[in-house]
N, C-alpha and C. Protein backbone atom coordinates (compact mmCIF):
# COMPACT_ATOMS: atom_id res chain seq x y z
N UNK A 1 -5.27 -15.10 -1.13
CA UNK A 1 -6.01 -14.12 -1.89
C UNK A 1 -5.08 -13.41 -2.88
N UNK A 2 -3.91 -12.95 -2.42
CA UNK A 2 -3.00 -12.24 -3.31
C UNK A 2 -1.99 -13.23 -3.88
N UNK A 3 -1.83 -13.20 -5.20
CA UNK A 3 -0.91 -14.11 -5.84
C UNK A 3 0.51 -13.56 -5.88
N UNK A 4 0.63 -12.23 -5.94
CA UNK A 4 1.95 -11.61 -6.00
C UNK A 4 2.45 -11.30 -4.61
N UNK A 5 3.79 -11.26 -4.48
CA UNK A 5 4.34 -10.86 -3.18
C UNK A 5 4.16 -9.36 -2.99
N UNK A 6 4.23 -8.93 -1.77
CA UNK A 6 4.06 -7.52 -1.43
C UNK A 6 5.22 -6.72 -2.02
N UNK A 7 4.93 -5.62 -2.73
CA UNK A 7 6.00 -4.85 -3.38
C UNK A 7 6.89 -4.11 -2.37
N UNK A 8 8.18 -4.03 -2.71
CA UNK A 8 9.13 -3.30 -1.88
C UNK A 8 9.04 -1.80 -2.20
N UNK A 9 9.67 -0.99 -1.35
CA UNK A 9 9.57 0.47 -1.47
C UNK A 9 10.10 0.97 -2.81
N UNK A 10 11.14 0.34 -3.33
CA UNK A 10 11.73 0.81 -4.59
C UNK A 10 10.84 0.55 -5.80
N UNK A 11 9.77 -0.23 -5.63
CA UNK A 11 8.82 -0.50 -6.71
C UNK A 11 7.64 0.48 -6.68
N UNK A 12 7.55 1.28 -5.61
CA UNK A 12 6.42 2.20 -5.40
C UNK A 12 6.87 3.63 -5.68
N UNK A 13 6.11 4.33 -6.52
CA UNK A 13 6.45 5.73 -6.80
C UNK A 13 5.21 6.61 -6.65
N UNK A 14 5.44 7.90 -6.47
CA UNK A 14 4.35 8.85 -6.28
C UNK A 14 3.46 8.88 -7.52
N UNK A 15 2.15 8.94 -7.31
CA UNK A 15 1.20 8.98 -8.40
C UNK A 15 0.79 7.61 -8.93
N UNK A 16 1.45 6.57 -8.47
CA UNK A 16 1.16 5.21 -8.91
C UNK A 16 -0.16 4.72 -8.30
N UNK A 17 -0.93 3.95 -9.07
CA UNK A 17 -2.16 3.35 -8.55
C UNK A 17 -1.82 2.04 -7.84
N UNK A 18 -2.33 1.91 -6.62
CA UNK A 18 -2.03 0.74 -5.79
C UNK A 18 -3.28 0.29 -5.04
N UNK A 19 -3.23 -0.92 -4.52
CA UNK A 19 -4.23 -1.42 -3.58
C UNK A 19 -3.58 -1.46 -2.22
N UNK A 20 -4.23 -0.82 -1.23
CA UNK A 20 -3.72 -0.82 0.14
C UNK A 20 -4.74 -1.48 1.06
N UNK A 21 -4.22 -1.96 2.19
CA UNK A 21 -5.11 -2.43 3.25
C UNK A 21 -4.99 -1.44 4.40
N UNK A 22 -6.12 -0.90 4.81
CA UNK A 22 -6.14 0.04 5.93
C UNK A 22 -6.19 -0.75 7.24
N UNK A 23 -5.73 -0.14 8.32
CA UNK A 23 -5.64 -0.83 9.60
C UNK A 23 -6.99 -1.42 10.03
N UNK A 24 -8.08 -0.67 9.86
CA UNK A 24 -9.38 -1.18 10.30
C UNK A 24 -9.92 -2.28 9.38
N UNK A 25 -9.28 -2.51 8.23
CA UNK A 25 -9.71 -3.57 7.31
C UNK A 25 -8.83 -4.81 7.39
N UNK A 26 -7.86 -4.83 8.29
CA UNK A 26 -6.93 -5.96 8.35
C UNK A 26 -7.64 -7.28 8.63
N UNK A 27 -8.67 -7.27 9.44
CA UNK A 27 -9.36 -8.51 9.78
C UNK A 27 -10.26 -9.01 8.64
N UNK A 28 -10.68 -8.11 7.74
CA UNK A 28 -11.54 -8.53 6.63
C UNK A 28 -10.76 -8.73 5.34
N UNK A 29 -9.60 -8.09 5.23
CA UNK A 29 -8.81 -8.19 4.01
C UNK A 29 -9.30 -7.28 2.89
N UNK A 30 -10.23 -6.35 3.21
CA UNK A 30 -10.77 -5.42 2.20
C UNK A 30 -9.67 -4.48 1.72
N UNK A 31 -9.49 -4.40 0.40
CA UNK A 31 -8.47 -3.54 -0.18
C UNK A 31 -9.08 -2.25 -0.71
N UNK A 32 -8.33 -1.16 -0.61
CA UNK A 32 -8.74 0.15 -1.10
C UNK A 32 -7.81 0.55 -2.22
N UNK A 33 -8.37 1.00 -3.34
CA UNK A 33 -7.55 1.44 -4.46
C UNK A 33 -7.34 2.94 -4.38
N UNK A 34 -6.14 3.38 -4.75
CA UNK A 34 -5.87 4.81 -4.76
C UNK A 34 -4.52 5.11 -5.36
N UNK A 35 -4.23 6.41 -5.46
CA UNK A 35 -2.93 6.87 -5.99
C UNK A 35 -2.05 7.32 -4.84
N UNK A 36 -0.77 6.96 -4.92
CA UNK A 36 0.19 7.28 -3.86
C UNK A 36 0.49 8.77 -3.84
N UNK A 37 0.25 9.39 -2.68
CA UNK A 37 0.57 10.81 -2.48
C UNK A 37 1.91 10.93 -1.74
N UNK A 38 2.11 10.08 -0.71
CA UNK A 38 3.36 10.09 0.07
C UNK A 38 3.70 8.66 0.47
N UNK A 39 4.99 8.36 0.52
CA UNK A 39 5.46 7.07 1.04
C UNK A 39 5.90 7.32 2.47
N UNK A 40 5.32 6.57 3.41
CA UNK A 40 5.57 6.83 4.83
C UNK A 40 6.60 5.89 5.45
N UNK A 41 6.79 4.71 4.89
CA UNK A 41 7.77 3.76 5.41
C UNK A 41 9.14 4.09 4.84
N UNK A 42 10.15 4.20 5.71
CA UNK A 42 11.49 4.57 5.23
C UNK A 42 12.31 3.36 4.79
N UNK A 43 12.06 2.18 5.36
CA UNK A 43 12.83 1.00 4.96
C UNK A 43 12.35 0.48 3.60
N UNK A 44 13.18 -0.29 2.91
CA UNK A 44 12.84 -0.78 1.57
C UNK A 44 11.80 -1.88 1.60
N UNK A 45 11.65 -2.59 2.73
CA UNK A 45 10.67 -3.67 2.80
C UNK A 45 10.03 -3.71 4.18
N UNK A 46 8.76 -4.07 4.21
CA UNK A 46 8.04 -4.32 5.45
C UNK A 46 7.17 -5.55 5.19
N UNK A 47 7.14 -6.52 6.11
CA UNK A 47 6.41 -7.76 5.86
C UNK A 47 4.90 -7.58 5.64
N UNK A 48 4.32 -6.48 6.14
CA UNK A 48 2.88 -6.23 5.96
C UNK A 48 2.61 -5.25 4.84
N UNK A 49 3.66 -4.72 4.23
CA UNK A 49 3.51 -3.76 3.14
C UNK A 49 4.04 -2.40 3.50
N UNK A 50 4.46 -1.66 2.49
CA UNK A 50 4.97 -0.30 2.68
C UNK A 50 3.79 0.63 2.97
N UNK A 51 3.90 1.42 4.02
CA UNK A 51 2.81 2.32 4.41
C UNK A 51 2.86 3.57 3.55
N UNK A 52 1.71 3.92 2.98
CA UNK A 52 1.61 5.11 2.12
C UNK A 52 0.36 5.91 2.49
N UNK A 53 0.37 7.17 2.07
CA UNK A 53 -0.83 8.00 2.12
C UNK A 53 -1.31 8.15 0.70
N UNK A 54 -2.61 7.93 0.50
CA UNK A 54 -3.21 8.07 -0.82
C UNK A 54 -3.67 9.51 -1.05
N UNK A 55 -3.95 9.86 -2.31
CA UNK A 55 -4.46 11.20 -2.64
C UNK A 55 -5.72 11.53 -1.84
N UNK A 56 -6.49 10.50 -1.49
CA UNK A 56 -7.73 10.69 -0.74
C UNK A 56 -7.48 11.02 0.74
N UNK A 57 -6.21 10.88 1.18
CA UNK A 57 -5.89 11.10 2.58
C UNK A 57 -5.88 9.82 3.39
N UNK A 58 -6.35 8.72 2.81
CA UNK A 58 -6.37 7.44 3.52
C UNK A 58 -4.95 6.90 3.61
N UNK A 59 -4.67 6.20 4.70
CA UNK A 59 -3.35 5.62 4.93
C UNK A 59 -3.50 4.10 5.02
N UNK A 60 -2.60 3.40 4.35
CA UNK A 60 -2.63 1.95 4.40
C UNK A 60 -1.32 1.37 3.91
N UNK A 61 -1.24 0.05 3.95
CA UNK A 61 -0.04 -0.66 3.51
C UNK A 61 -0.28 -1.26 2.14
N UNK A 62 0.66 -1.02 1.23
CA UNK A 62 0.51 -1.46 -0.16
C UNK A 62 0.57 -2.98 -0.22
N UNK A 63 -0.48 -3.56 -0.82
CA UNK A 63 -0.56 -5.01 -1.01
C UNK A 63 -0.23 -5.39 -2.44
N UNK A 64 -0.57 -4.51 -3.39
CA UNK A 64 -0.24 -4.78 -4.78
C UNK A 64 -0.32 -3.48 -5.59
N UNK A 65 0.32 -3.53 -6.76
CA UNK A 65 0.31 -2.40 -7.68
C UNK A 65 -0.74 -2.70 -8.73
N UNK A 66 -1.56 -1.70 -9.07
CA UNK A 66 -2.65 -1.89 -10.05
C UNK A 66 -2.05 -2.03 -11.43
């Protein structure tokens, strides 16, 4: 489904528009679009995506940058 590789932490900045996958959507692959409010993962890379909190309060792992 995704053509690009999952972005590393150094590619993600606050206020950036991203597509995340929320935990309850992992089985469907449904992506949620939003703006990054906080970056929650401290390491530079995670195989499932860097975990972030969106402005909406939703939390998910970044799958791609808009």
